[in-house]
Structures are given as C-alpha cells and as structure tokens.
Amino acid sequence: MKLPEGSQVPRVTKTGNSGSLDVMASLVLSMIDGKSTILELGEMCGIDGELAQKIVADLMSRDLVEVPGFEQDHQETKQPDQISEIDDLLARIEGMTFYDILGVAPDADRKEMRSSYFSLSKKFHPDRAFGGNSDEKRKMEIVFGRITRAYDTLSNSDQRAEYDKYIADQIDLWKIEKQLKNAIGEDEAKENDLRESMPTPRSTSRSPTRPIQMNTIAPKRIPPRSRQSDAPGSKVSSNPPQRRPARSSNPPRNKEGSVSDSDLKARRDQLKRERMSRALDRSLSGVSKDQRVPAVDKKMVERKLDHARIALEQQEFASAASILKEVVTLDEKNVEAANLLEQAKAGARRTLAKGYLRQGRYERKHGDFRQAKSHFDKALQSDPGNLEARHLLSQTLLDLRSELPRALLLCKELTRMGGQKGRYFATLGELLLLAKENEQACDAFGKAISLEPDNKEYKKRYKACNG
C-alpha cells in the first residue's frame, strides 16, 4: 500500500465511519487540525513517523481523511488464495492464544504488538472485504474482532497479567489431565489387561504342567483336560489325554449286582478329589516356572509410597496418582497403595474441576459464553457434586438461551443438593419464568430474597413474576 509523505498535511473529511477505529487511530484522527504534518502528528501522539503514515493511510482508506496532492492506490481485489487464508484463519482462531493471533512472542513489548496489530488491521479489516461481499465481510468481522480483542487485552498491563495467568492455568490443567488419564486409563481395564497378558498353554506341548498331588489312597485319577481345550472356540490338543475305560468309571459290584455302601462312598470321595484337582490344574495351567511373577521389590515400593504420601500432603493429587499407579502395578496386593490411589484420583478430579471453573469464569467475564459452557461442563463431569459448577453451567445456558430444560433440571438438582445461595434460587426463578411456571418462580425469588434481603434485583424480579 502506498503511504503519504511525512511532510504532507492531512485533513478530516467526516464522510466515513469512525465507529470501528482502535484507540491509536482515534487519537491520530482527533489530532488532525489541517495544519500539522503527518510527522508532527506522530510526535504529538508519541509514535514514530512510519507508523503515523500507516495510520493516516488507513484513515484515508476509510474516507475519514484526505491528503491534498496524494493519490491513493485503488483497493486491490482479493485473490482466491487470500480468501483461503481467511477461511483457514477463521477455522483456527478460536484455539489460538492472543500472542499467536498477533504473531508476537509472549515477552513482546507494546511497540511490537502495536506494529503487528496495524499490519493485521490493514489485511483483515471488514471495510476491505471483497468488494462488499456480505459473506466474506462477515468472516472478516469475526477475524478482525478477535484480532482487536487480542490487541486490547495485551496492550493493557492488568488485562495482560490476567490473561497470562489464564494461559498458564491451561497448561497446568493439561498436565493434570495427562497424569490422571495415565493413572485411570489402564486401571479401569485392569482385569482385561491381566487376562490378555496371562500366557496360555500351547496345544502342542508335550510336558503339561504337573498338577498338585493330593494325599489320597484312591486309584490313579483321570488327568484333567488342558485349560485351552475347555475354552470356547479353542483348538483341541494334538495329544489329548487318554481316557480310562468306561467300565472302570463305576464302582465295583458284588455277586448279586448291587453296590455296597462303602464302595459307593469311596467312589463319591474319589470324584470329589478329582474335581478339586481339576480346579487346581485350571488355576495353574499355562504358568510355567519361567513365567512366575517375580518377587516384589519392597524397598522400591516403599520409596514410591513415600513420594506419593508427600505429593498427597502437598495436594499434588495428579502426581500422586501417577506414582501410586506404578506402585499398584508393581505390588497388586498392596492395600494401602490401592486406597491412596483412589484418594489421589478423587483429589485430582476435584483439582481439575476447580481449574475448569477458573477457565470458564474468565471466558464468561469476557463474553466467550460457548467456551465457558464447555469448561463448566468439564468441571461438572470431573466433580458431579460441585454446586458452583452446576450453577455456573445452568447460568451460562440461560445466557445462551440454549438447552433450557437441562439448565432448569440442573438448578432444581442444585437446590435439592443443599445449595443455599441467593443466586442459585434467582437463576432457578429466571428459568421457571421462561418455562411459564410463574408460581414456582415466585417461590424461588422469595427464597432468594430470604437469603439475601438487601438484593434489590431479586425484589424487582419477585414483583415482576407476581404481576
């Protein structure tokens, strides 16, 4: 874009719209008196000459300013690759940090951010949208609005500090989510994982595991079938055990063909012993001597337990859960580790819920209700008993006028769970009014007033629902 000379004198035309100007452009516009040169305007506003020239050029493109003797470039037509660039940025911009949007480092100073902002403004300002194409202009308005918000936030020291804390909190939450996922993911599928990892006997094995011998004087028992052959869909062993003749499976008979009581009792005892032996065979089959579980390293387990206890005392629940998961894996019979792991997971979920609430509050404060809803949802999933998460989610749904039946249900549950704050009942009252349940809404606002007698807004809403 061609820039006017620093020695030229701009004049205000008052034919354009100054409603979307940023702070610096508005300041330069207010200082134009038809006598001062562009360089002099820059000095009065505390900016360098080149930036003053760019701002004046931008004001000229909006028909707010004219510079006698300067011929402005004609507006360029956007090419297809530029349209694609805007579409790509629009798709990514919600997930970008303000630093990413402006293309500056987190330690950038105000001068760098200002320069980047004006460069982006010239590229994405809605007034330059594709010859008046309404769809493309709408896209650019969204992009430009996000760019402006990023600049306004980062150029204010207090807002920037608050935003930096918000970003740091996001990173901490990501770490907790990762640690908790590692501690929970395998634990929930523990039995399936152990079953899949348990070695199974090979059908071609010539030396099956020897069963435990019972102390008995009974005749030699029938060898049990392989565990693999018992499993549904398994292949039958190529060397199945030999079965005893059918005639030997019955107790001996006397000359008259009847079975004596003593022989019948001996046969029942024999069958009982065989059933017990087969059960033991099945529990031990497939676990050879070389595959037995190694002895637990008690010293290592105790060291890890000590680290986990310290992490719990410091309320680093996610870190404790990750350590205790290792302990439980090493020593599955350690009852203390299992109990501490459950405590750590519960604490990590509560920590996550608090973090999600902080994120949602920041976003709701700055008008990003949809993103706030997402974080309040996560907070409630992490800690279903969290009353504040339940209220903030219902309040945000009310603000969005979205999922109102769900919001009403959340508020009713909230009060049943013991939520006794005026704002809880006030939100319930608003939702009941929308549901055309005026009588119940009056009761809700009345309860809110009883909890906060000095709140004038509650009294106003109470009168409204009565009227």
Protein backbone atom coordinates (compact mmCIF):
# COMPACT_ATOMS: atom_id res chain seq x y z
CA MET A 1 0.00 0.00 0.00
CA LYS A 2 1.32 3.40 -0.97
CA LEU A 3 1.91 5.71 2.01
CA PRO A 4 1.63 9.52 2.06
CA GLU A 5 4.77 11.54 2.68
CA GLY A 6 5.57 12.53 6.26
CA SER A 7 5.69 16.20 5.25
CA GLN A 8 2.15 16.20 3.84
CA VAL A 9 -0.75 17.69 5.79
CA PRO A 10 -3.91 15.56 6.19
CA ARG A 11 -7.40 16.94 6.59
CA VAL A 12 -10.54 15.41 8.11
CA THR A 13 -13.34 14.70 5.60
CA LYS A 14 -16.02 13.41 8.07
CA THR A 15 -17.57 11.30 5.34
CA GLY A 16 -16.55 7.88 6.64
CA ASN A 17 -17.47 5.82 9.66
CA SER A 18 -15.12 6.02 12.66
CA GLY A 19 -17.04 3.55 14.82
CA SER A 20 -14.58 0.63 14.41
CA LEU A 21 -11.34 2.55 14.96
CA ASP A 22 -8.86 1.42 17.58
CA VAL A 23 -7.52 3.71 20.29
CA MET A 24 -4.41 4.91 18.46
CA ALA A 25 -6.19 5.59 15.18
CA SER A 26 -8.88 7.54 17.05
CA LEU A 27 -6.16 9.58 18.78
CA VAL A 28 -4.45 10.45 15.49
CA LEU A 29 -7.80 11.36 13.94
CA SER A 30 -8.61 13.66 16.85
CA MET A 31 -5.25 15.46 16.49
CA ILE A 32 -5.64 16.25 12.77
CA ASP A 33 -6.19 20.00 12.52
CA GLY A 34 -5.42 20.65 8.83
CA LYS A 35 -2.14 22.38 9.76
CA SER A 36 0.13 19.72 11.26
CA THR A 37 2.12 17.37 9.04
CA ILE A 38 1.95 13.62 9.43
CA LEU A 39 5.35 13.57 11.18
CA GLU A 40 4.20 16.27 13.58
CA LEU A 41 1.05 14.27 14.31
CA GLY A 42 3.23 11.26 15.12
CA GLU A 43 5.29 13.30 17.58
CA MET A 44 2.17 14.64 19.28
CA CYS A 45 0.78 11.10 19.65
CA GLY A 46 4.08 9.58 20.76
CA ILE A 47 4.58 7.32 17.75
CA ASP A 48 7.22 7.15 15.05
CA GLY A 49 6.75 8.72 11.64
CA GLU A 50 6.30 5.50 9.69
CA LEU A 51 3.51 4.31 11.99
CA ALA A 52 1.84 7.73 11.71
CA GLN A 53 1.96 7.42 7.91
CA LYS A 54 0.37 3.96 8.08
CA ILE A 55 -2.41 5.19 10.38
CA VAL A 56 -3.16 8.16 8.12
CA ALA A 57 -3.21 5.84 5.10
CA ASP A 58 -5.67 3.61 6.95
CA LEU A 59 -7.87 6.62 7.79
CA MET A 60 -7.78 7.61 4.12
CA SER A 61 -8.96 4.13 3.09
CA ARG A 62 -11.99 4.63 5.36
CA ASP A 63 -12.76 8.03 3.77
CA LEU A 64 -12.16 9.75 7.12
CA VAL A 65 -9.10 11.71 5.98
CA GLU A 66 -7.75 13.20 2.77
CA VAL A 67 -4.25 14.37 1.91
CA PRO A 68 -4.12 17.06 -0.82
CA GLY A 69 -1.72 16.14 -3.58
CA PHE A 70 -1.66 12.46 -2.65
CA GLU A 71 -3.29 9.95 -4.98
CA GLN A 72 -4.43 6.90 -3.08
CA ASP A 73 -3.99 3.42 -4.51
CA HIS A 74 -7.12 1.71 -5.73
CA GLN A 75 -8.37 -1.06 -3.48
CA GLU A 76 -6.96 -4.40 -4.58
CA THR A 77 -9.27 -7.26 -5.38
CA LYS A 78 -8.78 -10.21 -3.10
CA GLN A 79 -7.42 -13.29 -4.82
CA PRO A 80 -8.61 -16.85 -4.18
CA ASP A 81 -5.51 -17.63 -2.11
CA GLN A 82 -6.34 -14.67 0.16
CA ILE A 83 -9.88 -16.00 0.60
CA SER A 84 -8.45 -19.37 1.54
CA GLU A 85 -6.13 -17.70 4.06
CA ILE A 86 -9.08 -16.03 5.80
CA ASP A 87 -11.08 -19.28 5.87
CA ASP A 88 -8.10 -21.12 7.35
CA LEU A 89 -7.54 -18.44 10.00
CA LEU A 90 -11.24 -18.38 10.87
CA ALA A 91 -11.17 -22.15 11.44
CA ARG A 92 -8.15 -21.92 13.77
CA ILE A 93 -8.54 -18.60 15.52
CA GLU A 94 -10.72 -19.78 18.44
CA GLY A 95 -7.99 -22.18 19.53
CA MET A 96 -5.15 -19.67 19.21
CA THR A 97 -3.73 -17.59 22.02
CA PHE A 98 -3.75 -13.83 21.69
CA TYR A 99 0.01 -13.94 21.19
CA ASP A 100 -0.43 -16.41 18.32
CA ILE A 101 -3.12 -14.24 16.74
CA LEU A 102 -0.89 -11.15 16.75
CA GLY A 103 2.15 -13.21 15.78
CA VAL A 104 4.30 -11.94 18.65
CA ALA A 105 6.28 -13.61 21.42
CA PRO A 106 4.89 -13.76 24.99
CA ASP A 107 7.53 -11.22 26.07
CA ALA A 108 6.80 -8.76 23.25
CA ASP A 109 6.57 -5.09 24.21
CA ARG A 110 3.72 -2.75 23.35
CA LYS A 111 5.52 -1.32 20.32
CA GLU A 112 5.85 -4.77 18.73
CA MET A 113 2.21 -5.58 19.41
CA ARG A 114 1.03 -2.25 18.05
CA SER A 115 3.02 -2.68 14.85
CA SER A 116 1.69 -6.21 14.38
CA TYR A 117 -1.87 -5.10 15.06
CA PHE A 118 -1.85 -2.34 12.46
CA SER A 119 -0.33 -4.70 9.94
CA LEU A 120 -3.11 -7.22 10.52
CA SER A 121 -5.77 -4.49 10.54
CA LYS A 122 -4.85 -3.46 7.04
CA LYS A 123 -5.12 -7.04 5.89
CA PHE A 124 -8.32 -8.13 7.64
CA HIS A 125 -10.41 -5.00 8.17
CA PRO A 126 -14.05 -5.69 7.21
CA ASP A 127 -14.31 -2.45 5.19
CA ARG A 128 -11.97 -4.02 2.64
CA ALA A 129 -13.94 -7.21 2.28
CA PHE A 130 -14.00 -8.43 -1.30
CA GLY A 131 -15.89 -5.62 -2.96
CA GLY A 132 -18.78 -5.69 -0.48
CA ASN A 133 -19.31 -9.47 -0.43
CA SER A 134 -21.50 -9.90 2.68
CA ASP A 135 -20.39 -13.46 3.46
CA GLU A 136 -16.70 -12.65 3.27
CA LYS A 137 -17.26 -9.44 5.20
CA ARG A 138 -18.93 -11.42 8.00
CA LYS A 139 -15.90 -13.73 8.16
CA MET A 140 -13.52 -10.80 8.30
CA GLU A 141 -15.58 -9.15 11.04
CA ILE A 142 -15.11 -12.27 13.19
CA VAL A 143 -11.37 -12.41 12.48
CA PHE A 144 -10.88 -8.67 12.95
CA GLY A 145 -12.90 -8.73 16.18
CA ARG A 146 -10.64 -11.44 17.57
CA ILE A 147 -7.51 -9.54 16.47
CA THR A 148 -8.77 -6.36 18.11
CA ARG A 149 -9.64 -8.18 21.32
CA ALA A 150 -6.16 -9.72 21.40
CA TYR A 151 -4.53 -6.31 20.99
CA ASP A 152 -6.79 -4.57 23.50
CA THR A 153 -6.09 -7.26 26.10
CA LEU A 154 -2.34 -7.48 25.66
CA SER A 155 -1.80 -3.72 25.42
CA ASN A 156 -3.34 -3.27 28.88
CA SER A 157 -0.92 -4.35 31.62
CA ASP A 158 -3.60 -5.51 34.08
CA GLN A 159 -5.59 -7.40 31.48
CA ARG A 160 -2.40 -8.91 30.10
CA ALA A 161 -1.38 -10.20 33.54
CA GLU A 162 -4.83 -11.74 33.99
CA TYR A 163 -4.65 -13.33 30.54
CA ASP A 164 -1.14 -14.70 31.17
CA LYS A 165 -2.47 -16.37 34.32
CA TYR A 166 -5.33 -17.83 32.28
CA ILE A 167 -2.89 -19.31 29.75
CA ALA A 168 -0.60 -20.71 32.48
CA ASP A 169 -3.64 -22.31 34.12
CA GLN A 170 -4.48 -24.02 30.82
CA ILE A 171 -1.02 -25.59 30.71
CA ASP A 172 -1.30 -26.79 34.33
CA LEU A 173 -4.70 -28.34 33.62
CA TRP A 174 -3.33 -30.11 30.57
CA LYS A 175 -0.59 -31.68 32.69
CA ILE A 176 -3.09 -32.81 35.34
CA GLU A 177 -5.38 -34.28 32.67
CA LYS A 178 -2.47 -36.24 31.21
CA GLN A 179 -1.32 -37.61 34.58
CA LEU A 180 -4.84 -38.52 35.63
CA LYS A 181 -5.53 -40.22 32.31
CA ASN A 182 -2.41 -42.35 32.75
CA ALA A 183 -3.48 -43.27 36.29
CA ILE A 184 -7.08 -44.10 35.39
CA GLY A 185 -7.00 -45.43 31.85
CA GLU A 186 -5.25 -48.75 32.49
CA ASP A 187 -6.73 -49.12 35.95
CA GLU A 188 -10.28 -49.31 34.64
CA ALA A 189 -9.30 -52.12 32.26
CA LYS A 190 -7.03 -53.84 34.75
CA GLU A 191 -8.74 -57.22 34.77
CA ASN A 192 -8.99 -57.35 30.98
CA ASP A 193 -5.35 -56.38 30.57
CA LEU A 194 -4.20 -59.04 33.05
CA ARG A 195 -6.33 -61.65 31.36
CA GLU A 196 -4.92 -60.80 27.94
CA SER A 197 -1.35 -60.79 29.24
CA MET A 198 -1.74 -64.15 31.01
CA PRO A 199 0.15 -66.82 28.97
CA THR A 200 -1.95 -69.70 27.67
CA PRO A 201 -0.75 -73.31 27.24
CA ARG A 202 0.26 -74.41 23.79
CA SER A 203 -1.85 -77.17 22.30
CA THR A 204 1.28 -78.96 21.04
CA SER A 205 3.03 -79.04 24.43
CA ARG A 206 4.41 -82.46 25.39
CA SER A 207 5.04 -81.56 29.02
CA PRO A 208 1.90 -80.08 30.56
CA THR A 209 2.17 -78.51 33.99
CA ARG A 210 2.18 -81.19 36.64
CA PRO A 211 -0.87 -80.87 38.91
CA ILE A 212 -0.60 -80.72 42.68
CA GLN A 213 -0.79 -84.28 44.07
CA MET A 214 -3.49 -84.98 46.60
CA ASN A 215 -2.70 -87.09 49.68
CA THR A 216 -5.01 -89.99 48.88
CA ILE A 217 -5.06 -93.76 48.55
CA ALA A 218 -7.63 -93.59 45.79
CA PRO A 219 -6.84 -95.20 42.44
CA LYS A 220 -4.87 -93.14 39.99
CA ARG A 221 -7.06 -90.21 38.94
CA ILE A 222 -8.04 -89.28 35.44
CA PRO A 223 -5.71 -86.50 34.12
CA PRO A 224 -7.67 -83.29 33.60
CA ARG A 225 -8.14 -81.85 30.18
CA SER A 226 -6.00 -78.90 29.14
CA ARG A 227 -7.40 -75.47 30.04
CA GLN A 228 -7.12 -74.47 26.43
CA SER A 229 -9.36 -77.29 25.30
CA ASP A 230 -12.01 -76.08 27.79
CA ALA A 231 -12.11 -72.58 26.34
CA PRO A 232 -14.85 -71.89 23.78
CA GLY A 233 -13.54 -71.85 20.22
CA SER A 234 -10.12 -73.21 21.19
CA LYS A 235 -8.32 -75.91 19.24
CA VAL A 236 -8.22 -79.40 20.64
CA SER A 237 -4.77 -80.62 21.68
CA SER A 238 -3.00 -82.88 19.19
CA ASN A 239 -2.17 -85.23 22.09
CA PRO A 240 -5.31 -85.49 24.18
CA PRO A 241 -5.03 -87.35 27.49
CA GLN A 242 -6.09 -90.96 27.43
CA ARG A 243 -9.45 -91.66 28.99
CA ARG A 244 -9.98 -94.57 31.30
CA PRO A 245 -12.33 -97.33 30.09
CA ALA A 246 -15.92 -96.61 30.75
CA ARG A 247 -16.38 -99.74 32.84
CA SER A 248 -13.77 -98.51 35.39
CA SER A 249 -15.69 -95.31 36.00
CA ASN A 250 -18.31 -97.15 38.01
CA PRO A 251 -17.80 -98.64 41.48
CA PRO A 252 -17.36 -102.46 41.66
CA ARG A 253 -20.46 -104.59 42.17
CA ASN A 254 -20.90 -107.71 44.31
CA LYS A 255 -22.12 -111.08 43.07
CA GLU A 256 -25.77 -110.03 43.33
CA GLY A 257 -25.05 -106.95 41.09
CA SER A 258 -25.65 -104.35 43.82
CA VAL A 259 -23.17 -101.73 45.04
CA SER A 260 -22.14 -101.74 48.69
CA ASP A 261 -22.40 -98.55 50.76
CA SER A 262 -18.66 -98.50 51.41
CA ASP A 263 -17.86 -98.79 47.70
CA LEU A 264 -20.36 -96.05 46.84
CA LYS A 265 -18.85 -93.72 49.48
CA ALA A 266 -15.33 -94.42 48.18
CA ARG A 267 -16.48 -93.57 44.65
CA ARG A 268 -18.03 -90.26 45.75
CA ASP A 269 -14.84 -89.31 47.59
CA GLN A 270 -12.79 -90.14 44.53
CA LEU A 271 -14.96 -87.93 42.28
CA LYS A 272 -14.72 -85.07 44.77
CA ARG A 273 -10.92 -85.30 44.84
CA GLU A 274 -10.82 -85.32 41.06
CA ARG A 275 -12.96 -82.19 40.81
CA MET A 276 -10.70 -80.38 43.27
CA SER A 277 -7.61 -81.49 41.37
CA ARG A 278 -9.04 -80.28 38.06
CA ALA A 279 -9.84 -76.88 39.59
CA LEU A 280 -6.25 -76.56 40.79
CA ASP A 281 -4.98 -77.61 37.37
CA ARG A 282 -7.03 -74.91 35.66
CA SER A 283 -5.75 -72.22 38.04
CA LEU A 284 -2.13 -73.20 37.39
CA SER A 285 -2.25 -74.20 33.76
CA GLY A 286 -0.19 -72.02 31.44
CA VAL A 287 2.06 -70.59 34.18
CA SER A 288 5.44 -72.31 33.85
CA LYS A 289 8.29 -71.91 36.29
CA ASP A 290 9.95 -69.39 34.00
CA GLN A 291 6.75 -67.36 33.81
CA ARG A 292 6.04 -66.99 37.52
CA VAL A 293 5.60 -63.41 38.80
CA PRO A 294 8.92 -62.06 40.11
CA ALA A 295 9.25 -61.16 43.76
CA VAL A 296 8.12 -57.64 44.67
CA ASP A 297 10.92 -55.15 45.34
CA LYS A 298 9.69 -54.00 48.75
CA LYS A 299 12.27 -51.22 49.08
CA MET A 300 11.32 -49.69 45.72
CA VAL A 301 7.64 -49.92 46.58
CA GLU A 302 8.18 -48.20 49.92
CA ARG A 303 10.23 -45.40 48.32
CA LYS A 304 7.49 -44.74 45.79
CA LEU A 305 4.87 -44.82 48.53
CA ASP A 306 6.86 -42.19 50.46
CA HIS A 307 6.95 -39.96 47.38
CA ALA A 308 3.21 -40.45 46.87
CA ARG A 309 2.45 -39.57 50.52
CA ILE A 310 4.46 -36.34 50.19
CA ALA A 311 2.63 -35.45 46.96
CA LEU A 312 -0.70 -36.04 48.69
CA GLU A 313 0.29 -33.82 51.62
CA GLN A 314 1.18 -31.07 49.14
CA GLN A 315 -2.15 -31.65 47.34
CA GLU A 316 -0.37 -32.64 44.13
CA PHE A 317 -3.03 -35.26 43.54
CA ALA A 318 -2.37 -36.00 39.87
CA SER A 319 1.33 -36.57 40.52
CA ALA A 320 0.48 -38.82 43.49
CA ALA A 321 -1.98 -40.80 41.35
CA SER A 322 0.68 -41.38 38.70
CA ILE A 323 3.18 -42.66 41.31
CA LEU A 324 0.61 -44.84 43.07
CA LYS A 325 -0.41 -46.38 39.77
CA GLU A 326 3.17 -47.61 39.41
CA VAL A 327 3.10 -48.98 42.97
CA VAL A 328 -0.13 -50.89 42.35
CA THR A 329 1.33 -52.30 39.15
CA LEU A 330 4.43 -53.50 40.99
CA ASP A 331 2.56 -54.79 44.05
CA GLU A 332 -1.05 -55.63 43.25
CA LYS A 333 -1.75 -56.83 46.79
CA ASN A 334 -0.70 -53.56 48.43
CA VAL A 335 -3.96 -52.43 50.03
CA GLU A 336 -2.57 -49.12 51.26
CA ALA A 337 -1.41 -48.14 47.76
CA ALA A 338 -4.79 -49.04 46.29
CA ASN A 339 -6.63 -46.92 48.86
CA LEU A 340 -4.27 -43.98 48.42
CA LEU A 341 -4.67 -44.25 44.64
CA GLU A 342 -8.44 -43.82 44.95
CA GLN A 343 -7.92 -40.79 47.21
CA ALA A 344 -5.42 -39.30 44.75
CA LYS A 345 -7.73 -39.79 41.77
CA ALA A 346 -10.63 -38.17 43.63
CA GLY A 347 -8.41 -35.23 44.62
CA ALA A 348 -7.13 -34.83 41.06
CA ARG A 349 -10.69 -34.73 39.74
CA ARG A 350 -11.57 -32.00 42.25
CA THR A 351 -8.47 -30.05 41.24
CA LEU A 352 -9.44 -30.35 37.59
CA ALA A 353 -12.95 -29.13 38.37
CA LYS A 354 -11.59 -26.03 40.14
CA GLY A 355 -9.29 -25.31 37.20
CA TYR A 356 -12.11 -25.67 34.68
CA LEU A 357 -14.21 -23.29 36.78
CA ARG A 358 -11.42 -20.68 36.69
CA GLN A 359 -11.18 -21.02 32.91
CA GLY A 360 -14.93 -20.77 32.47
CA ARG A 361 -15.25 -17.72 34.72
CA TYR A 362 -12.56 -15.87 32.75
CA GLU A 363 -14.23 -16.71 29.44
CA ARG A 364 -17.70 -15.80 30.71
CA LYS A 365 -16.38 -12.49 32.04
CA HIS A 366 -15.09 -11.64 28.56
CA GLY A 367 -18.24 -12.75 26.75
CA ASP A 368 -16.99 -16.09 25.43
CA PHE A 369 -20.05 -17.99 26.66
CA ARG A 370 -19.71 -21.05 24.42
CA GLN A 371 -16.17 -21.76 25.54
CA ALA A 372 -17.23 -21.09 29.14
CA LYS A 373 -20.04 -23.64 28.77
CA SER A 374 -17.52 -26.23 27.60
CA HIS A 375 -15.34 -25.70 30.67
CA PHE A 376 -18.27 -25.70 33.10
CA ASP A 377 -19.39 -28.97 31.54
CA LYS A 378 -15.95 -30.44 32.15
CA ALA A 379 -15.96 -29.19 35.73
CA LEU A 380 -19.28 -30.91 36.40
CA GLN A 381 -18.08 -34.15 34.81
CA SER A 382 -14.93 -34.11 36.92
CA ASP A 383 -16.76 -33.33 40.17
CA PRO A 384 -20.51 -34.07 39.93
CA GLY A 385 -21.05 -32.84 43.49
CA ASN A 386 -19.62 -29.38 42.79
CA LEU A 387 -22.52 -26.99 43.39
CA GLU A 388 -20.83 -23.96 41.83
CA ALA A 389 -20.09 -25.85 38.60
CA ARG A 390 -23.74 -26.86 38.40
CA HIS A 391 -24.90 -23.26 38.93
CA LEU A 392 -22.45 -21.65 36.50
CA LEU A 393 -23.33 -24.15 33.80
CA SER A 394 -27.06 -23.51 34.22
CA GLN A 395 -26.45 -19.73 34.30
CA THR A 396 -24.38 -19.90 31.08
CA LEU A 397 -27.05 -21.98 29.36
CA LEU A 398 -29.54 -19.32 30.40
CA ASP A 399 -27.32 -16.59 28.93
CA LEU A 400 -27.05 -18.53 25.67
CA ARG A 401 -30.78 -19.41 25.72
CA SER A 402 -29.62 -22.93 24.94
CA GLU A 403 -30.61 -26.30 26.46
CA LEU A 404 -33.02 -24.57 28.83
CA PRO A 405 -34.71 -27.79 30.04
CA ARG A 406 -31.29 -29.09 31.05
CA ALA A 407 -30.46 -25.81 32.80
CA LEU A 408 -33.74 -25.98 34.74
CA LEU A 409 -33.04 -29.57 35.77
CA LEU A 410 -29.53 -28.61 36.93
CA CYS A 411 -30.92 -25.79 39.07
CA LYS A 412 -33.57 -27.99 40.66
CA GLU A 413 -30.95 -30.62 41.48
CA LEU A 414 -28.72 -27.87 42.86
CA THR A 415 -31.30 -26.76 45.40
CA ARG A 416 -32.12 -30.36 46.34
CA MET A 417 -28.42 -30.99 46.95
CA GLY A 418 -28.37 -28.27 49.60
CA GLY A 419 -27.36 -25.21 47.57
CA GLN A 420 -28.45 -22.31 49.76
CA LYS A 421 -27.31 -19.15 47.98
CA GLY A 422 -29.48 -16.36 46.69
CA ARG A 423 -28.08 -16.51 43.17
CA TYR A 424 -28.89 -20.22 42.92
CA PHE A 425 -32.58 -19.57 43.55
CA ALA A 426 -32.55 -16.43 41.39
CA THR A 427 -31.29 -18.41 38.41
CA LEU A 428 -33.89 -21.07 39.14
CA GLY A 429 -36.55 -18.35 39.18
CA GLU A 430 -35.48 -17.00 35.78
CA LEU A 431 -35.60 -20.46 34.25
CA LEU A 432 -39.01 -21.15 35.77
CA LEU A 433 -40.32 -17.90 34.29
CA LEU A 434 -39.13 -18.98 30.84
CA ALA A 435 -40.87 -22.31 31.42
CA LYS A 436 -44.13 -20.41 32.21
CA GLU A 437 -44.14 -21.71 35.78
CA ASN A 438 -44.79 -18.33 37.40
CA GLU A 439 -45.97 -19.59 40.76
CA GLN A 440 -42.86 -21.69 41.31
CA ALA A 441 -40.73 -18.81 40.00
CA CYS A 442 -42.18 -16.53 42.68
CA ASP A 443 -41.32 -19.11 45.33
CA ALA A 444 -37.74 -19.28 44.01
CA PHE A 445 -37.30 -15.49 44.03
CA GLY A 446 -38.86 -15.37 47.50
CA LYS A 447 -36.26 -17.85 48.72
CA ALA A 448 -33.51 -15.78 47.08
CA ILE A 449 -34.76 -12.67 48.93
CA SER A 450 -34.82 -14.55 52.25
CA LEU A 451 -31.16 -15.48 51.72
CA GLU A 452 -30.12 -12.00 50.52
CA PRO A 453 -32.65 -9.48 51.92
CA ASP A 454 -30.81 -6.42 50.59
CA ASN A 455 -30.70 -7.54 46.95
CA LYS A 456 -32.91 -5.10 45.01
CA GLU A 457 -32.76 -7.11 41.78
CA TYR A 458 -34.32 -10.14 43.45
CA LYS A 459 -37.15 -7.99 44.83
CA LYS A 460 -37.71 -6.50 41.39
CA ARG A 461 -37.95 -9.93 39.77
CA TYR A 462 -40.26 -11.15 42.54
CA LYS A 463 -42.68 -8.29 41.84
CA ALA A 464 -42.45 -8.94 38.10
CA CYS A 465 -43.42 -12.60 38.39
CA ASN A 466 -46.28 -11.71 40.75
CA GLY A 467 -47.57 -9.15 38.30
